[in-house]
Every structure is written in C-alpha cells, then in structure tokens.
C-alpha cells in the first residue's frame, strides 16, 4: 500500500516513521519546508518529496498515485 503523509513536522514525521515500520507500506512524506524534509532524510524507509499542497489542483495531482 502506498501512503502519502502531508507534512513532515512534529506530527506528520513521527506518524510517517511509525507507518514505515510495516514492510507492507511504502511511505512518502511531503512538505514544502526543506528543514522538515532534512529531518526526515535520516529515516531510510521514508521517501521524501518536496511539495506545496496548499492549492487544491496541486494537491489533487499529488495524491493521485497513493492509496492513503
């Protein structure tokens, strides 16, 4: 299952890390803030995506390939 977590801050990053512990999940964490993404890079099982999800058309395009 492909999971996208929007936001790699104080809530999103721990949630993504927990989800990524399950080998059946492929977890991507997306954030516009490079500092947050840098913190996420130390977790090998996470895929990192720099993205701005503040506009509906961009968000729709971003989530299209994910199950959750």
N, C-alpha and C. Protein backbone atom coordinates (compact mmCIF):
# COMPACT_ATOMS: atom_id res chain seq x y z
N UNK A 1 0.84 -1.17 0.00
CA UNK A 1 0.00 0.00 0.00
C UNK A 1 0.89 1.24 0.00
N UNK A 2 0.57 2.18 -0.86
CA UNK A 2 1.32 3.43 -0.96
C UNK A 2 0.62 4.49 -0.12
N UNK A 3 1.38 5.06 0.83
CA UNK A 3 0.83 6.05 1.75
C UNK A 3 1.60 7.36 1.59
N UNK A 4 0.85 8.46 1.52
CA UNK A 4 1.44 9.79 1.47
C UNK A 4 1.06 10.53 2.74
N UNK A 5 2.05 11.01 3.46
CA UNK A 5 1.83 11.82 4.66
C UNK A 5 2.16 13.25 4.28
N UNK A 6 1.17 14.13 4.42
CA UNK A 6 1.37 15.54 4.10
C UNK A 6 1.86 16.26 5.35
N UNK A 7 3.09 16.70 5.29
CA UNK A 7 3.70 17.40 6.41
C UNK A 7 4.71 16.53 7.13
N UNK A 8 5.91 17.06 7.30
CA UNK A 8 6.99 16.33 7.95
C UNK A 8 7.40 17.04 9.24
N UNK A 9 6.42 17.66 9.88
CA UNK A 9 6.70 18.39 11.12
C UNK A 9 6.56 17.52 12.35
N UNK A 10 6.15 18.13 13.44
CA UNK A 10 6.09 17.45 14.74
C UNK A 10 5.04 16.36 14.81
N UNK A 11 4.04 16.40 13.96
CA UNK A 11 3.00 15.36 13.94
C UNK A 11 3.21 14.41 12.77
N UNK A 12 3.41 14.95 11.58
CA UNK A 12 3.50 14.13 10.37
C UNK A 12 4.70 13.20 10.32
N UNK A 13 5.86 13.68 10.72
CA UNK A 13 7.06 12.86 10.64
C UNK A 13 6.98 11.63 11.55
N UNK A 14 6.63 11.78 12.83
CA UNK A 14 6.51 10.57 13.67
C UNK A 14 5.46 9.60 13.15
N UNK A 15 4.38 10.12 12.60
CA UNK A 15 3.35 9.27 12.04
C UNK A 15 3.91 8.49 10.83
N UNK A 16 4.63 9.17 9.97
CA UNK A 16 5.21 8.52 8.80
C UNK A 16 6.22 7.45 9.20
N UNK A 17 7.04 7.77 10.19
CA UNK A 17 8.04 6.81 10.67
C UNK A 17 7.36 5.56 11.22
N UNK A 18 6.32 5.73 12.00
CA UNK A 18 5.57 4.58 12.54
C UNK A 18 4.98 3.74 11.42
N UNK A 19 4.38 4.38 10.44
CA UNK A 19 3.78 3.64 9.32
C UNK A 19 4.85 2.90 8.52
N UNK A 20 6.01 3.50 8.35
CA UNK A 20 7.07 2.92 7.54
C UNK A 20 7.68 1.67 8.19
N UNK A 21 7.43 1.45 9.47
CA UNK A 21 7.94 0.26 10.13
C UNK A 21 7.26 -1.01 9.61
N UNK A 22 6.08 -0.86 9.04
CA UNK A 22 5.37 -2.00 8.47
C UNK A 22 5.85 -2.21 7.03
N UNK A 23 6.45 -3.37 6.74
CA UNK A 23 7.03 -3.59 5.41
C UNK A 23 6.00 -3.62 4.27
N UNK A 24 4.73 -3.75 4.58
CA UNK A 24 3.74 -3.75 3.50
C UNK A 24 3.37 -2.33 3.04
N UNK A 25 3.87 -1.32 3.76
CA UNK A 25 3.59 0.07 3.40
C UNK A 25 4.81 0.72 2.74
N UNK A 26 4.55 1.45 1.69
CA UNK A 26 5.54 2.32 1.07
C UNK A 26 5.13 3.74 1.43
N UNK A 27 5.92 4.39 2.27
CA UNK A 27 5.52 5.68 2.84
C UNK A 27 6.35 6.82 2.26
N UNK A 28 5.65 7.83 1.77
CA UNK A 28 6.27 9.06 1.28
C UNK A 28 5.80 10.19 2.19
N UNK A 29 6.74 11.03 2.58
CA UNK A 29 6.38 12.20 3.37
C UNK A 29 6.65 13.43 2.51
N UNK A 30 5.66 14.31 2.43
CA UNK A 30 5.75 15.50 1.58
C UNK A 30 5.64 16.76 2.43
N UNK A 31 6.46 17.73 2.12
CA UNK A 31 6.44 19.00 2.85
C UNK A 31 7.07 20.05 1.94
N UNK A 32 6.71 21.28 2.13
CA UNK A 32 7.33 22.37 1.37
C UNK A 32 8.57 22.90 2.10
N UNK A 33 8.65 22.62 3.40
CA UNK A 33 9.73 23.13 4.24
C UNK A 33 10.95 22.21 4.16
N UNK A 34 12.04 22.72 3.61
CA UNK A 34 13.25 21.92 3.42
C UNK A 34 13.84 21.46 4.75
N UNK A 35 13.73 22.26 5.79
CA UNK A 35 14.25 21.87 7.11
C UNK A 35 13.52 20.62 7.62
N UNK A 36 12.21 20.57 7.46
CA UNK A 36 11.45 19.39 7.87
C UNK A 36 11.87 18.16 7.06
N UNK A 37 12.06 18.35 5.77
CA UNK A 37 12.46 17.23 4.92
C UNK A 37 13.86 16.74 5.26
N UNK A 38 14.74 17.64 5.65
CA UNK A 38 16.09 17.24 6.06
C UNK A 38 16.03 16.34 7.28
N UNK A 39 15.13 16.63 8.19
CA UNK A 39 14.97 15.78 9.37
C UNK A 39 14.45 14.40 8.99
N UNK A 40 13.63 14.33 7.97
CA UNK A 40 13.04 13.07 7.53
C UNK A 40 14.05 12.19 6.80
N UNK A 41 15.09 12.77 6.24
CA UNK A 41 16.06 12.01 5.45
C UNK A 41 16.81 10.95 6.25
N UNK A 42 16.86 11.09 7.56
CA UNK A 42 17.60 10.12 8.37
C UNK A 42 16.84 8.79 8.52
N UNK A 43 15.62 8.73 8.05
CA UNK A 43 14.83 7.50 8.12
C UNK A 43 14.84 6.85 6.74
N UNK A 44 15.60 5.78 6.61
CA UNK A 44 15.86 5.15 5.32
C UNK A 44 14.60 4.65 4.63
N UNK A 45 13.61 4.21 5.37
CA UNK A 45 12.41 3.64 4.75
C UNK A 45 11.44 4.69 4.22
N UNK A 46 11.69 5.96 4.51
CA UNK A 46 10.81 7.02 4.04
C UNK A 46 11.28 7.56 2.69
N UNK A 47 10.33 7.78 1.82
CA UNK A 47 10.60 8.52 0.59
C UNK A 47 10.28 9.98 0.89
N UNK A 48 11.06 10.86 0.33
CA UNK A 48 10.95 12.29 0.60
C UNK A 48 10.47 13.01 -0.66
N UNK A 49 9.53 13.93 -0.47
CA UNK A 49 9.01 14.68 -1.61
C UNK A 49 8.81 16.13 -1.19
N UNK A 50 9.47 17.04 -1.88
CA UNK A 50 9.24 18.47 -1.61
C UNK A 50 8.05 18.90 -2.46
N UNK A 51 7.00 19.32 -1.78
CA UNK A 51 5.77 19.66 -2.50
C UNK A 51 4.97 20.70 -1.72
N UNK A 52 4.27 21.52 -2.46
CA UNK A 52 3.36 22.51 -1.90
C UNK A 52 1.94 22.01 -2.14
N UNK A 53 1.26 21.67 -1.06
CA UNK A 53 -0.10 21.13 -1.18
C UNK A 53 -1.16 22.16 -0.79
N UNK A 54 -0.81 23.43 -0.88
CA UNK A 54 -1.72 24.48 -0.43
C UNK A 54 -2.84 24.80 -1.42
N UNK A 55 -2.73 24.37 -2.63
CA UNK A 55 -3.75 24.64 -3.65
C UNK A 55 -4.41 23.32 -4.08
N UNK A 56 -5.71 23.31 -4.19
CA UNK A 56 -6.45 22.09 -4.50
C UNK A 56 -5.98 21.38 -5.77
N UNK A 57 -5.77 22.06 -6.89
CA UNK A 57 -5.32 21.33 -8.08
C UNK A 57 -3.98 20.63 -7.88
N UNK A 58 -3.06 21.29 -7.18
CA UNK A 58 -1.76 20.67 -6.90
C UNK A 58 -1.93 19.47 -5.98
N UNK A 59 -2.76 19.61 -4.97
CA UNK A 59 -3.00 18.53 -4.02
C UNK A 59 -3.64 17.34 -4.72
N UNK A 60 -4.60 17.60 -5.57
CA UNK A 60 -5.27 16.52 -6.32
C UNK A 60 -4.26 15.75 -7.16
N UNK A 61 -3.38 16.46 -7.84
CA UNK A 61 -2.36 15.82 -8.66
C UNK A 61 -1.37 15.03 -7.79
N UNK A 62 -1.03 15.60 -6.64
CA UNK A 62 -0.06 14.98 -5.74
C UNK A 62 -0.55 13.65 -5.18
N UNK A 63 -1.81 13.59 -4.77
CA UNK A 63 -2.32 12.39 -4.09
C UNK A 63 -2.79 11.31 -5.05
N UNK A 64 -2.86 11.59 -6.30
CA UNK A 64 -3.43 10.69 -7.30
C UNK A 64 -2.85 9.26 -7.27
N UNK A 65 -1.56 9.12 -7.04
CA UNK A 65 -0.91 7.82 -7.12
C UNK A 65 -0.81 7.07 -5.79
N UNK A 66 -1.49 7.56 -4.76
CA UNK A 66 -1.40 6.95 -3.44
C UNK A 66 -2.72 6.30 -3.04
N UNK A 67 -2.62 5.27 -2.21
CA UNK A 67 -3.81 4.58 -1.71
C UNK A 67 -4.41 5.28 -0.50
N UNK A 68 -3.55 5.92 0.27
CA UNK A 68 -4.00 6.57 1.51
C UNK A 68 -3.19 7.81 1.76
